[in-house]
Amino acid sequence: MYNVVFCRALHPTAMAMLEARKDINVRILTTDFRGPPLQKELAEVIGDADGVMVGLERVDADLLARAPRLRVISRFGVGFDTLDIPGCTRRGVLVGVVNGANDLSVAEHAMMLLLATARRTLEMDASVRAGTWMVQTGRRMHELSERSVLVVGYGRIGTRVAKLCSAFGMKVMVHDPAFPTPRIAADGHIPAPDLMAAVAEADVVTLHCPLYDQTRNMVNADFLGRMKPTAWLINTARGGIVDEAALADALANGTIEAAGLDVLVREPLDTASPLLTLPNVVLSPHNAAAPLECYAKMSRRAVANLLDFFDGKIDPGYTVNPEVLGRNAP
């Protein structure tokens, strides 16, 4: 019998996968799929867990030390910056992610932020509701067609965003040191191996790279200073990629024109953040993967990763540290 802890109940189709297994004992910390991370609650029950399913809960050295039986972590998402991956690997704990389950939803959300930024959607909506009809002041609206966009990160989400931008008639440049430039060119896009040169050329920079040491605060004052004063920044990746203080300054002083952000360094955003006072930034609460269809796909993949691990058949493509496979096989 395997003991697994779920920080939150998932979509009913995923829970049905668990209920069909007689060899899995499931403990669910809450049936509410919304809410803050259940850090304390997880720490209290992880001691006898063979597997856990986490959302935004942090798995650090202290938590791992409390979990002598732990063999697999299923992350409800594709990012893993909240997990101590080296620590998991040293302990032989496999980390699974839901690769491919949320790429469509996040790509659509990136386009929503891009369109809302281009057309000043939130400002126009507020103006109509206030009875003043059209906003007559401030920056002009723009079409997307013929504008150049730099896609930073060409994974599952970045590739979808590049296709969607192409469909809008945009000139698409792609920067991803890990991706072969001939493949980028074959996809009909412009390889951009020199990031800073491409930043200076782009009308839009949209971020789709993971957060790790090399990308933390990558979008800093120097990066923003190289962008066009008419350019926009879109971030649906991770908040830590952007130096928020530098971004707020850049938006306030006209270094860049506008931004659309789904992710922030601190979530929820501090109510004292200057970003909240700026009319040229569109904000959403890290909900790019929140549509029901995406929630169902992510739920099923997160459960499948756990079950496939215990059955000895997990696909390494859904893991962060596949080198653990074989060391802790069930």
C-alpha atoms as a PDB file:
ATOM      1  CA  MET A   1       0.000   0.000   0.000  1.00  0.00           C
ATOM      2  CA  TYR A   2       1.350   3.398  -1.011  1.00  0.00           C
ATOM      3  CA  ASN A   3       0.543   6.470   1.056  1.00  0.00           C
ATOM      4  CA  VAL A   4       0.146   9.678  -0.958  1.00  0.00           C
ATOM      5  CA  VAL A   5      -0.691  13.198   0.192  1.00  0.00           C
ATOM      6  CA  PHE A   6      -2.562  15.614  -2.042  1.00  0.00           C
ATOM      7  CA  CYS A   7      -2.379  19.224  -0.939  1.00  0.00           C
ATOM      8  CA  ARG A   8      -5.604  19.832  -2.854  1.00  0.00           C
ATOM      9  CA  ALA A   9      -8.258  17.686  -4.473  1.00  0.00           C
ATOM     10  CA  LEU A  10      -8.003  17.762  -8.251  1.00  0.00           C
ATOM     11  CA  HIS A  11     -10.493  17.519 -11.110  1.00  0.00           C
ATOM     12  CA  PRO A  12     -13.032  14.695 -10.606  1.00  0.00           C
ATOM     13  CA  THR A  13     -11.703  12.762 -13.612  1.00  0.00           C
ATOM     14  CA  ALA A  14      -8.277  12.666 -11.977  1.00  0.00           C
ATOM     15  CA  MET A  15      -9.622  11.710  -8.565  1.00  0.00           C
ATOM     16  CA  ALA A  16     -11.490   8.845 -10.234  1.00  0.00           C
ATOM     17  CA  MET A  17      -8.126   7.502 -11.419  1.00  0.00           C
ATOM     18  CA  LEU A  18      -7.034   7.290  -7.790  1.00  0.00           C
ATOM     19  CA  GLU A  19     -10.281   5.801  -6.556  1.00  0.00           C
ATOM     20  CA  ALA A  20      -9.878   2.940  -9.020  1.00  0.00           C
ATOM     21  CA  ARG A  21      -6.655   1.888  -7.313  1.00  0.00           C
ATOM     22  CA  LYS A  22      -6.883  -0.320  -4.243  1.00  0.00           C
ATOM     23  CA  ASP A  23      -3.157  -0.046  -3.548  1.00  0.00           C
ATOM     24  CA  ILE A  24      -3.157   3.726  -3.042  1.00  0.00           C
ATOM     25  CA  ASN A  25      -4.090   5.341   0.266  1.00  0.00           C
ATOM     26  CA  VAL A  26      -4.871   9.021  -0.394  1.00  0.00           C
ATOM     27  CA  ARG A  27      -4.880  11.848   2.132  1.00  0.00           C
ATOM     28  CA  ILE A  28      -6.289  15.161   0.860  1.00  0.00           C
ATOM     29  CA  LEU A  29      -5.472  18.285   2.857  1.00  0.00           C
ATOM     30  CA  THR A  30      -8.324  20.345   1.379  1.00  0.00           C
ATOM     31  CA  THR A  31     -11.039  19.937  -1.213  1.00  0.00           C
ATOM     32  CA  ASP A  32     -10.828  23.638  -2.083  1.00  0.00           C
ATOM     33  CA  PHE A  33      -8.836  23.967  -5.301  1.00  0.00           C
ATOM     34  CA  ARG A  34      -8.117  27.645  -4.539  1.00  0.00           C
ATOM     35  CA  GLY A  35      -6.165  29.190  -1.700  1.00  0.00           C
ATOM     36  CA  PRO A  36      -2.660  29.820  -0.378  1.00  0.00           C
ATOM     37  CA  PRO A  37      -0.016  27.075  -0.176  1.00  0.00           C
ATOM     38  CA  LEU A  38      -0.603  24.579   2.629  1.00  0.00           C
ATOM     39  CA  GLN A  39       2.980  24.577   3.835  1.00  0.00           C
ATOM     40  CA  LYS A  40       2.398  23.900   7.528  1.00  0.00           C
ATOM     41  CA  GLU A  41      -0.281  21.303   6.897  1.00  0.00           C
ATOM     42  CA  LEU A  42       1.953  19.410   4.470  1.00  0.00           C
ATOM     43  CA  ALA A  43       4.860  19.394   6.922  1.00  0.00           C
ATOM     44  CA  GLU A  44       2.632  17.834   9.576  1.00  0.00           C
ATOM     45  CA  VAL A  45       1.610  14.809   7.485  1.00  0.00           C
ATOM     46  CA  ILE A  46       4.478  14.136   5.088  1.00  0.00           C
ATOM     47  CA  GLY A  47       6.297  11.817   7.480  1.00  0.00           C
ATOM     48  CA  ASP A  48       4.681   8.577   6.254  1.00  0.00           C
ATOM     49  CA  ALA A  49       4.115   9.648   2.636  1.00  0.00           C
ATOM     50  CA  ASP A  50       5.522   7.660  -0.280  1.00  0.00           C
ATOM     51  CA  GLY A  51       4.353  10.338  -2.693  1.00  0.00           C
ATOM     52  CA  VAL A  52       2.954  13.869  -2.619  1.00  0.00           C
ATOM     53  CA  MET A  53       1.145  16.124  -5.041  1.00  0.00           C
ATOM     54  CA  VAL A  54       2.043  19.790  -4.526  1.00  0.00           C
ATOM     55  CA  GLY A  55       0.951  23.045  -6.072  1.00  0.00           C
ATOM     56  CA  LEU A  56       2.782  26.147  -4.847  1.00  0.00           C
ATOM     57  CA  GLU A  57       3.966  24.469  -1.659  1.00  0.00           C
ATOM     58  CA  ARG A  58       7.739  24.656  -1.235  1.00  0.00           C
ATOM     59  CA  VAL A  59       9.730  21.447  -0.919  1.00  0.00           C
ATOM     60  CA  ASP A  60      13.023  22.392   0.722  1.00  0.00           C
ATOM     61  CA  ALA A  61      15.661  20.599   2.761  1.00  0.00           C
ATOM     62  CA  ASP A  62      13.648  20.917   5.982  1.00  0.00           C
ATOM     63  CA  LEU A  63      10.546  19.350   4.441  1.00  0.00           C
ATOM     64  CA  LEU A  64      12.552  16.568   2.810  1.00  0.00           C
ATOM     65  CA  ALA A  65      14.132  15.792   6.179  1.00  0.00           C
ATOM     66  CA  ARG A  66      10.638  15.160   7.544  1.00  0.00           C
ATOM     67  CA  ALA A  67       9.861  12.640   4.795  1.00  0.00           C
ATOM     68  CA  PRO A  68      12.051   9.515   5.117  1.00  0.00           C
ATOM     69  CA  ARG A  69       9.679   7.414   2.986  1.00  0.00           C
ATOM     70  CA  LEU A  70       9.183   9.950   0.204  1.00  0.00           C
ATOM     71  CA  ARG A  71       9.994   8.618  -3.265  1.00  0.00           C
ATOM     72  CA  VAL A  72       8.057  10.794  -5.700  1.00  0.00           C
ATOM     73  CA  ILE A  73       6.719  14.352  -5.900  1.00  0.00           C
ATOM     74  CA  SER A  74       4.110  15.226  -8.502  1.00  0.00           C
ATOM     75  CA  ARG A  75       4.065  18.957  -9.164  1.00  0.00           C
ATOM     76  CA  PHE A  76       0.732  20.408 -10.313  1.00  0.00           C
ATOM     77  CA  GLY A  77       2.409  22.613 -12.906  1.00  0.00           C
ATOM     78  CA  VAL A  78       5.455  22.723 -15.146  1.00  0.00           C
ATOM     79  CA  GLY A  79       7.649  25.087 -13.130  1.00  0.00           C
ATOM     80  CA  PHE A  80       9.800  23.668 -10.360  1.00  0.00           C
ATOM     81  CA  ASP A  81      11.474  26.702  -8.806  1.00  0.00           C
ATOM     82  CA  THR A  82       9.624  25.989  -5.526  1.00  0.00           C
ATOM     83  CA  LEU A  83      11.327  22.607  -5.231  1.00  0.00           C
ATOM     84  CA  ASP A  84      14.854  21.788  -4.094  1.00  0.00           C
ATOM     85  CA  ILE A  85      15.716  19.641  -7.118  1.00  0.00           C
ATOM     86  CA  PRO A  86      19.326  18.885  -6.102  1.00  0.00           C
ATOM     87  CA  GLY A  87      18.094  17.913  -2.647  1.00  0.00           C
ATOM     88  CA  CYS A  88      15.405  15.663  -4.120  1.00  0.00           C
ATOM     89  CA  THR A  89      17.942  14.039  -6.420  1.00  0.00           C
ATOM     90  CA  ARG A  90      20.390  13.369  -3.598  1.00  0.00           C
ATOM     91  CA  ARG A  91      17.622  11.665  -1.643  1.00  0.00           C
ATOM     92  CA  GLY A  92      16.440   9.682  -4.668  1.00  0.00           C
ATOM     93  CA  VAL A  93      13.102  11.487  -4.844  1.00  0.00           C
ATOM     94  CA  LEU A  94      11.714  11.738  -8.378  1.00  0.00           C
ATOM     95  CA  VAL A  95      10.001  14.995  -9.366  1.00  0.00           C
ATOM     96  CA  GLY A  96       7.260  14.874 -11.979  1.00  0.00           C
ATOM     97  CA  VAL A  97       5.677  17.822 -13.818  1.00  0.00           C
ATOM     98  CA  VAL A  98       2.673  18.148 -16.116  1.00  0.00           C
ATOM     99  CA  ASN A  99       4.536  18.939 -19.326  1.00  0.00           C
ATOM    100  CA  GLY A 100       2.159  19.504 -22.230  1.00  0.00           C
ATOM    101  CA  ALA A 101      -0.972  19.926 -20.126  1.00  0.00           C
ATOM    102  CA  ASN A 102      -0.997  23.717 -19.783  1.00  0.00           C
ATOM    103  CA  ASP A 103       0.911  25.004 -22.806  1.00  0.00           C
ATOM    104  CA  LEU A 104      -2.185  25.896 -24.848  1.00  0.00           C
ATOM    105  CA  SER A 105      -3.836  27.741 -21.979  1.00  0.00           C
ATOM    106  CA  VAL A 106      -0.724  29.725 -21.050  1.00  0.00           C
ATOM    107  CA  ALA A 107      -0.048  30.609 -24.692  1.00  0.00           C
ATOM    108  CA  GLU A 108      -3.616  31.901 -25.066  1.00  0.00           C
ATOM    109  CA  HIS A 109      -3.190  33.916 -21.883  1.00  0.00           C
ATOM    110  CA  ALA A 110       0.002  35.471 -23.194  1.00  0.00           C
ATOM    111  CA  MET A 111      -1.883  36.552 -26.305  1.00  0.00           C
ATOM    112  CA  MET A 112      -4.688  37.945 -24.137  1.00  0.00           C
ATOM    113  CA  LEU A 113      -2.185  40.081 -22.243  1.00  0.00           C
ATOM    114  CA  LEU A 114      -0.588  41.157 -25.506  1.00  0.00           C
ATOM    115  CA  LEU A 115      -3.919  42.183 -27.033  1.00  0.00           C
ATOM    116  CA  ALA A 116      -5.080  43.903 -23.835  1.00  0.00           C
ATOM    117  CA  THR A 117      -1.817  45.838 -23.791  1.00  0.00           C
ATOM    118  CA  ALA A 118      -2.040  46.759 -27.467  1.00  0.00           C
ATOM    119  CA  ARG A 119      -5.653  47.958 -27.250  1.00  0.00           C
ATOM    120  CA  ARG A 120      -5.611  49.394 -23.694  1.00  0.00           C
ATOM    121  CA  THR A 121      -8.558  47.108 -22.968  1.00  0.00           C
ATOM    122  CA  LEU A 122      -8.747  47.613 -19.204  1.00  0.00           C
ATOM    123  CA  GLU A 123      -8.545  51.399 -19.476  1.00  0.00           C
ATOM    124  CA  MET A 124     -11.250  51.484 -22.150  1.00  0.00           C
ATOM    125  CA  ASP A 125     -13.501  49.191 -20.111  1.00  0.00           C
ATOM    126  CA  ALA A 126     -13.100  51.402 -17.033  1.00  0.00           C
ATOM    127  CA  SER A 127     -13.817  54.526 -19.084  1.00  0.00           C
ATOM    128  CA  VAL A 128     -17.059  53.103 -20.484  1.00  0.00           C
ATOM    129  CA  ARG A 129     -18.201  52.010 -17.015  1.00  0.00           C
ATOM    130  CA  ALA A 130     -17.409  55.461 -15.632  1.00  0.00           C
ATOM    131  CA  GLY A 131     -19.635  57.082 -18.243  1.00  0.00           C
ATOM    132  CA  THR A 132     -16.801  58.917 -19.977  1.00  0.00           C
ATOM    133  CA  TRP A 133     -16.889  56.563 -22.985  1.00  0.00           C
ATOM    134  CA  MET A 134     -13.557  56.612 -24.825  1.00  0.00           C
ATOM    135  CA  VAL A 135     -10.214  57.422 -23.212  1.00  0.00           C
ATOM    136  CA  GLN A 136      -8.920  60.480 -25.023  1.00  0.00           C
ATOM    137  CA  THR A 137      -5.523  60.775 -23.361  1.00  0.00           C
ATOM    138  CA  GLY A 138      -2.436  58.620 -22.946  1.00  0.00           C
ATOM    139  CA  ARG A 139      -0.706  56.254 -25.312  1.00  0.00           C
ATOM    140  CA  ARG A 140      -2.164  55.218 -28.645  1.00  0.00           C
ATOM    141  CA  MET A 141      -3.582  51.779 -29.413  1.00  0.00           C
ATOM    142  CA  HIS A 142      -1.803  49.577 -31.928  1.00  0.00           C
ATOM    143  CA  GLU A 143      -2.321  46.651 -34.282  1.00  0.00           C
ATOM    144  CA  LEU A 144      -0.195  43.542 -33.837  1.00  0.00           C
ATOM    145  CA  SER A 145       0.325  42.898 -37.533  1.00  0.00           C
ATOM    146  CA  GLU A 146       3.772  43.877 -38.845  1.00  0.00           C
ATOM    147  CA  ARG A 147       5.137  44.400 -35.339  1.00  0.00           C
ATOM    148  CA  SER A 148       8.187  42.368 -34.301  1.00  0.00           C
ATOM    149  CA  VAL A 149       7.993  40.058 -31.293  1.00  0.00           C
ATOM    150  CA  LEU A 150      10.879  38.370 -29.500  1.00  0.00           C
ATOM    151  CA  VAL A 151       9.904  35.037 -27.951  1.00  0.00           C
ATOM    152  CA  VAL A 152      12.389  34.217 -25.184  1.00  0.00           C
ATOM    153  CA  GLY A 153      12.204  30.477 -24.588  1.00  0.00           C
ATOM    154  CA  TYR A 154      11.079  28.034 -27.278  1.00  0.00           C
ATOM    155  CA  GLY A 155       9.618  25.186 -25.280  1.00  0.00           C
ATOM    156  CA  ARG A 156       6.050  23.943 -25.484  1.00  0.00           C
ATOM    157  CA  ILE A 157       4.546  27.322 -24.570  1.00  0.00           C
ATOM    158  CA  GLY A 158       6.998  29.450 -26.516  1.00  0.00           C
ATOM    159  CA  THR A 159       6.428  27.468 -29.701  1.00  0.00           C
ATOM    160  CA  ARG A 160       2.660  27.957 -29.406  1.00  0.00           C
ATOM    161  CA  VAL A 161       3.039  31.678 -28.754  1.00  0.00           C
ATOM    162  CA  ALA A 162       5.312  31.992 -31.787  1.00  0.00           C
ATOM    163  CA  LYS A 163       2.675  30.311 -33.978  1.00  0.00           C
ATOM    164  CA  LEU A 164      -0.105  32.516 -32.618  1.00  0.00           C
ATOM    165  CA  CYS A 165       1.950  35.663 -33.170  1.00  0.00           C
ATOM    166  CA  SER A 166       2.662  34.545 -36.726  1.00  0.00           C
ATOM    167  CA  ALA A 167      -1.067  34.080 -37.266  1.00  0.00           C
ATOM    168  CA  PHE A 168      -1.538  37.728 -36.272  1.00  0.00           C
ATOM    169  CA  GLY A 169       0.961  38.744 -38.936  1.00  0.00           C
ATOM    170  CA  MET A 170       3.788  39.558 -36.550  1.00  0.00           C
ATOM    171  CA  LYS A 171       7.482  39.124 -37.354  1.00  0.00           C
ATOM    172  CA  VAL A 172       8.632  36.463 -34.889  1.00  0.00           C
ATOM    173  CA  MET A 173      12.169  36.285 -33.506  1.00  0.00           C
ATOM    174  CA  VAL A 174      13.093  33.436 -31.164  1.00  0.00           C
ATOM    175  CA  HIS A 175      15.873  33.272 -28.576  1.00  0.00           C
ATOM    176  CA  ASP A 176      16.599  29.946 -26.908  1.00  0.00           C
ATOM    177  CA  PRO A 177      20.216  28.824 -26.467  1.00  0.00           C
ATOM    178  CA  ALA A 178      19.035  25.250 -25.885  1.00  0.00           C
ATOM    179  CA  PHE A 179      17.152  25.003 -29.170  1.00  0.00           C
ATOM    180  CA  PRO A 180      18.803  24.401 -32.578  1.00  0.00           C
ATOM    181  CA  THR A 181      18.631  27.526 -34.729  1.00  0.00           C
ATOM    182  CA  PRO A 182      17.950  25.501 -37.926  1.00  0.00           C
ATOM    183  CA  ARG A 183      14.749  24.181 -36.316  1.00  0.00           C
ATOM    184  CA  ILE A 184      13.659  27.714 -35.396  1.00  0.00           C
ATOM    185  CA  ALA A 185      14.252  28.819 -38.961  1.00  0.00           C
ATOM    186  CA  ALA A 186      12.454  25.738 -40.309  1.00  0.00           C
ATOM    187  CA  ASP A 187       9.438  26.721 -38.227  1.00  0.00           C
ATOM    188  CA  GLY A 188       9.343  29.994 -40.141  1.00  0.00           C
ATOM    189  CA  HIS A 189      10.784  32.221 -37.416  1.00  0.00           C
ATOM    190  CA  ILE A 190      13.956  34.275 -37.136  1.00  0.00           C
ATOM    191  CA  PRO A 191      16.636  32.796 -34.854  1.00  0.00           C
ATOM    192  CA  ALA A 192      17.961  35.390 -32.414  1.00  0.00           C
ATOM    193  CA  PRO A 193      21.123  33.981 -30.800  1.00  0.00           C
ATOM    194  CA  ASP A 194      22.188  37.444 -29.600  1.00  0.00           C
ATOM    195  CA  LEU A 195      19.554  38.216 -26.973  1.00  0.00           C
ATOM    196  CA  MET A 196      20.401  41.857 -26.381  1.00  0.00           C
ATOM    197  CA  ALA A 197      20.588  42.652 -30.089  1.00  0.00           C
ATOM    198  CA  ALA A 198      17.132  41.152 -30.557  1.00  0.00           C
ATOM    199  CA  VAL A 199      15.777  43.009 -27.524  1.00  0.00           C
ATOM    200  CA  ALA A 200      16.740  46.313 -29.144  1.00  0.00           C
ATOM    201  CA  GLU A 201      14.896  45.360 -32.329  1.00  0.00           C
ATOM    202  CA  ALA A 202      11.692  43.964 -30.839  1.00  0.00           C
ATOM    203  CA  ASP A 203       8.390  45.788 -30.447  1.00  0.00           C
ATOM    204  CA  VAL A 204       7.299  43.088 -27.986  1.00  0.00           C
ATOM    205  CA  VAL A 205       9.334  40.832 -25.695  1.00  0.00           C
ATOM    206  CA  THR A 206       7.414  37.842 -24.349  1.00  0.00           C
ATOM    207  CA  LEU A 207       9.010  35.568 -21.732  1.00  0.00           C
ATOM    208  CA  HIS A 208       8.625  31.775 -21.770  1.00  0.00           C
ATOM    209  CA  CYS A 209      11.838  30.539 -20.137  1.00  0.00           C
ATOM    210  CA  PRO A 210      12.239  28.775 -16.781  1.00  0.00           C
ATOM    211  CA  LEU A 211      13.479  30.509 -13.656  1.00  0.00           C
ATOM    212  CA  TYR A 212      16.933  29.410 -12.540  1.00  0.00           C
ATOM    213  CA  ASP A 213      20.163  31.148 -11.598  1.00  0.00           C
ATOM    214  CA  GLN A 214      20.960  32.252 -15.143  1.00  0.00           C
ATOM    215  CA  THR A 215      17.553  33.833 -15.744  1.00  0.00           C
ATOM    216  CA  ARG A 216      16.830  35.338 -12.322  1.00  0.00           C
ATOM    217  CA  ASN A 217      16.450  39.126 -12.774  1.00  0.00           C
ATOM    218  CA  MET A 218      17.440  38.697 -16.419  1.00  0.00           C
ATOM    219  CA  VAL A 219      15.055  41.525 -17.311  1.00  0.00           C
ATOM    220  CA  ASN A 220      16.867  44.221 -15.360  1.00  0.00           C
ATOM    221  CA  ALA A 221      17.468  47.930 -15.891  1.00  0.00           C
ATOM    222  CA  ASP A 222      20.056  47.245 -18.589  1.00  0.00           C
ATOM    223  CA  PHE A 223      17.734  44.862 -20.444  1.00  0.00           C
ATOM    224  CA  LEU A 224      14.824  47.308 -20.253  1.00  0.00           C
ATOM    225  CA  GLY A 225      17.074  50.178 -21.290  1.00  0.00           C
ATOM    226  CA  ARG A 226      17.892  48.366 -24.521  1.00  0.00           C
ATOM    227  CA  MET A 227      14.219  47.979 -25.427  1.00  0.00           C
ATOM    228  CA  LYS A 228      12.482  50.494 -27.652  1.00  0.00           C
ATOM    229  CA  PRO A 229      10.580  53.231 -25.786  1.00  0.00           C
ATOM    230  CA  THR A 230       7.493  52.008 -27.679  1.00  0.00           C
ATOM    231  CA  ALA A 231       8.041  48.354 -26.737  1.00  0.00           C
ATOM    232  CA  TRP A 232       5.942  46.101 -24.490  1.00  0.00           C
ATOM    233  CA  LEU A 233       6.984  43.333 -22.104  1.00  0.00           C
ATOM    234  CA  ILE A 234       4.795  40.249 -21.561  1.00  0.00           C
ATOM    235  CA  ASN A 235       5.561  37.738 -18.782  1.00  0.00           C
ATOM    236  CA  THR A 236       3.675  34.479 -18.260  1.00  0.00           C
ATOM    237  CA  ALA A 237       6.791  32.545 -17.172  1.00  0.00           C
ATOM    238  CA  ARG A 238       8.041  33.345 -13.662  1.00  0.00           C
ATOM    239  CA  GLY A 239       8.068  36.619 -11.755  1.00  0.00           C
ATOM    240  CA  GLY A 240      11.675  36.226 -10.651  1.00  0.00           C
ATOM    241  CA  ILE A 241      12.894  36.592 -14.242  1.00  0.00           C
ATOM    242  CA  VAL A 242      12.024  40.301 -14.008  1.00  0.00           C
ATOM    243  CA  ASP A 243      13.491  42.904 -11.674  1.00  0.00           C
ATOM    244  CA  GLU A 244      10.150  44.427 -10.676  1.00  0.00           C
ATOM    245  CA  ALA A 245      11.608  47.647  -9.273  1.00  0.00           C
ATOM    246  CA  ALA A 246      13.470  48.256 -12.531  1.00  0.00           C
ATOM    247  CA  LEU A 247      10.341  47.444 -14.518  1.00  0.00           C
ATOM    248  CA  ALA A 248       8.186  49.841 -12.494  1.00  0.00           C
ATOM    249  CA  ASP A 249      10.762  52.588 -13.070  1.00  0.00           C
ATOM    250  CA  ALA A 250      10.910  51.799 -16.791  1.00  0.00           C
ATOM    251  CA  LEU A 251       7.123  51.958 -17.122  1.00  0.00           C
ATOM    252  CA  ALA A 252       6.890  55.177 -15.094  1.00  0.00           C
ATOM    253  CA  ASN A 253       9.618  57.076 -16.902  1.00  0.00           C
ATOM    254  CA  GLY A 254       8.863  55.953 -20.443  1.00  0.00           C
ATOM    255  CA  THR A 255      11.827  53.628 -20.953  1.00  0.00           C
ATOM    256  CA  ILE A 256       9.268  51.151 -22.299  1.00  0.00           C
ATOM    257  CA  GLU A 257       5.631  51.777 -23.150  1.00  0.00           C
ATOM    258  CA  ALA A 258       3.665  49.010 -21.423  1.00  0.00           C
ATOM    259  CA  ALA A 259       3.674  45.551 -19.877  1.00  0.00           C
ATOM    260  CA  GLY A 260       1.368  42.591 -19.308  1.00  0.00           C
ATOM    261  CA  LEU A 261       2.176  40.370 -16.312  1.00  0.00           C
ATOM    262  CA  ASP A 262       0.622  37.127 -15.085  1.00  0.00           C
ATOM    263  CA  VAL A 263       3.472  36.277 -12.719  1.00  0.00           C
ATOM    264  CA  LEU A 264       5.176  38.325 -10.020  1.00  0.00           C
ATOM    265  CA  VAL A 265       8.038  37.926  -7.586  1.00  0.00           C
ATOM    266  CA  ARG A 266       5.684  37.980  -4.617  1.00  0.00           C
ATOM    267  CA  GLU A 267       2.228  36.503  -5.027  1.00  0.00           C
ATOM    268  CA  PRO A 268      -0.195  37.954  -4.086  1.00  0.00           C
ATOM    269  CA  LEU A 269       1.356  41.255  -5.122  1.00  0.00           C
ATOM    270  CA  ASP A 270       2.234  43.600  -2.274  1.00  0.00           C
ATOM    271  CA  THR A 271      -0.436  46.303  -2.055  1.00  0.00           C
ATOM    272  CA  ALA A 272       2.365  48.890  -1.879  1.00  0.00           C
ATOM    273  CA  SER A 273       3.816  47.826  -5.227  1.00  0.00           C
ATOM    274  CA  PRO A 274       4.175  50.739  -7.651  1.00  0.00           C
ATOM    275  CA  LEU A 275       2.949  48.441 -10.428  1.00  0.00           C
ATOM    276  CA  LEU A 276      -0.580  48.813  -9.019  1.00  0.00           C
ATOM    277  CA  THR A 277      -0.560  52.560  -9.647  1.00  0.00           C
ATOM    278  CA  LEU A 278       0.570  52.429 -13.268  1.00  0.00           C
ATOM    279  CA  PRO A 279      -2.048  52.609 -16.038  1.00  0.00           C
ATOM    280  CA  ASN A 280       0.280  51.061 -18.612  1.00  0.00           C
ATOM    281  CA  VAL A 281       0.530  47.614 -17.020  1.00  0.00           C
ATOM    282  CA  VAL A 282      -2.044  44.806 -17.286  1.00  0.00           C
ATOM    283  CA  LEU A 283      -1.990  42.380 -14.339  1.00  0.00           C
ATOM    284  CA  SER A 284      -3.512  38.945 -13.798  1.00  0.00           C
ATOM    285  CA  PRO A 285      -3.179  36.723 -10.697  1.00  0.00           C
ATOM    286  CA  HIS A 286      -0.987  33.902 -12.061  1.00  0.00           C
ATOM    287  CA  ASN A 287      -4.071  32.296 -13.559  1.00  0.00           C
ATOM    288  CA  ALA A 288      -2.879  31.543 -17.085  1.00  0.00           C
ATOM    289  CA  ALA A 289      -3.471  27.836 -16.457  1.00  0.00           C
ATOM    290  CA  ALA A 290      -6.811  28.312 -14.658  1.00  0.00           C
ATOM    291  CA  PRO A 291      -9.334  27.475 -17.427  1.00  0.00           C
ATOM    292  CA  LEU A 292     -11.401  24.391 -16.603  1.00  0.00           C
ATOM    293  CA  GLU A 293     -10.105  22.416 -19.578  1.00  0.00           C
ATOM    294  CA  CYS A 294      -6.523  23.066 -18.555  1.00  0.00           C
ATOM    295  CA  TYR A 295      -7.279  22.225 -14.913  1.00  0.00           C
ATOM    296  CA  ALA A 296      -8.653  18.847 -16.000  1.00  0.00           C
ATOM    297  CA  LYS A 297      -5.640  18.030 -18.198  1.00  0.00           C
ATOM    298  CA  MET A 298      -3.151  19.090 -15.535  1.00  0.00           C
ATOM    299  CA  SER A 299      -5.012  17.080 -12.884  1.00  0.00           C
ATOM    300  CA  ARG A 300      -4.973  13.881 -14.924  1.00  0.00           C
ATOM    301  CA  ARG A 301      -1.294  14.265 -15.784  1.00  0.00           C
ATOM    302  CA  ALA A 302      -0.334  14.968 -12.154  1.00  0.00           C
ATOM    303  CA  VAL A 303      -2.138  11.812 -10.995  1.00  0.00           C
ATOM    304  CA  ALA A 304      -0.773   9.765 -13.893  1.00  0.00           C
ATOM    305  CA  ASN A 305       2.769  10.744 -12.919  1.00  0.00           C
ATOM    306  CA  LEU A 306       2.248   9.337  -9.429  1.00  0.00           C
ATOM    307  CA  LEU A 307       0.554   6.149 -10.584  1.00  0.00           C
ATOM    308  CA  ASP A 308       3.022   5.557 -13.405  1.00  0.00           C
ATOM    309  CA  PHE A 309       5.909   5.929 -10.973  1.00  0.00           C
ATOM    310  CA  PHE A 310       4.470   3.365  -8.585  1.00  0.00           C
ATOM    311  CA  ASP A 311       3.788   1.065 -11.561  1.00  0.00           C
ATOM    312  CA  GLY A 312       7.383   1.440 -12.734  1.00  0.00           C
ATOM    313  CA  LYS A 313       6.523   2.964 -16.112  1.00  0.00           C
ATOM    314  CA  ILE A 314       6.740   6.743 -15.771  1.00  0.00           C
ATOM    315  CA  ASP A 315       7.810   8.572 -18.941  1.00  0.00           C
ATOM    316  CA  PRO A 316      11.093  10.431 -18.261  1.00  0.00           C
ATOM    317  CA  GLY A 317       9.712  13.290 -20.373  1.00  0.00           C
ATOM    318  CA  TYR A 318       7.433  14.170 -17.477  1.00  0.00           C
ATOM    319  CA  THR A 319      10.251  14.285 -14.940  1.00  0.00           C
ATOM    320  CA  VAL A 320      12.721  16.962 -13.853  1.00  0.00           C
ATOM    321  CA  ASN A 321      15.424  14.630 -12.522  1.00  0.00           C
ATOM    322  CA  PRO A 322      15.160  11.422 -14.572  1.00  0.00           C
ATOM    323  CA  GLU A 323      18.578  10.350 -13.313  1.00  0.00           C
ATOM    324  CA  VAL A 324      16.755   9.182 -10.191  1.00  0.00           C
ATOM    325  CA  LEU A 325      14.888   6.524 -12.160  1.00  0.00           C
ATOM    326  CA  GLY A 326      16.228   3.091 -11.371  1.00  0.00           C
ATOM    327  CA  ARG A 327      17.657   4.203  -8.041  1.00  0.00           C
ATOM    328  CA  ASN A 328      14.352   4.186  -6.218  1.00  0.00           C
ATOM    329  CA  ALA A 329      12.177   1.959  -8.369  1.00  0.00           C
ATOM    330  CA  PRO A 330       9.081   0.627  -6.560  1.00  0.00           C
END
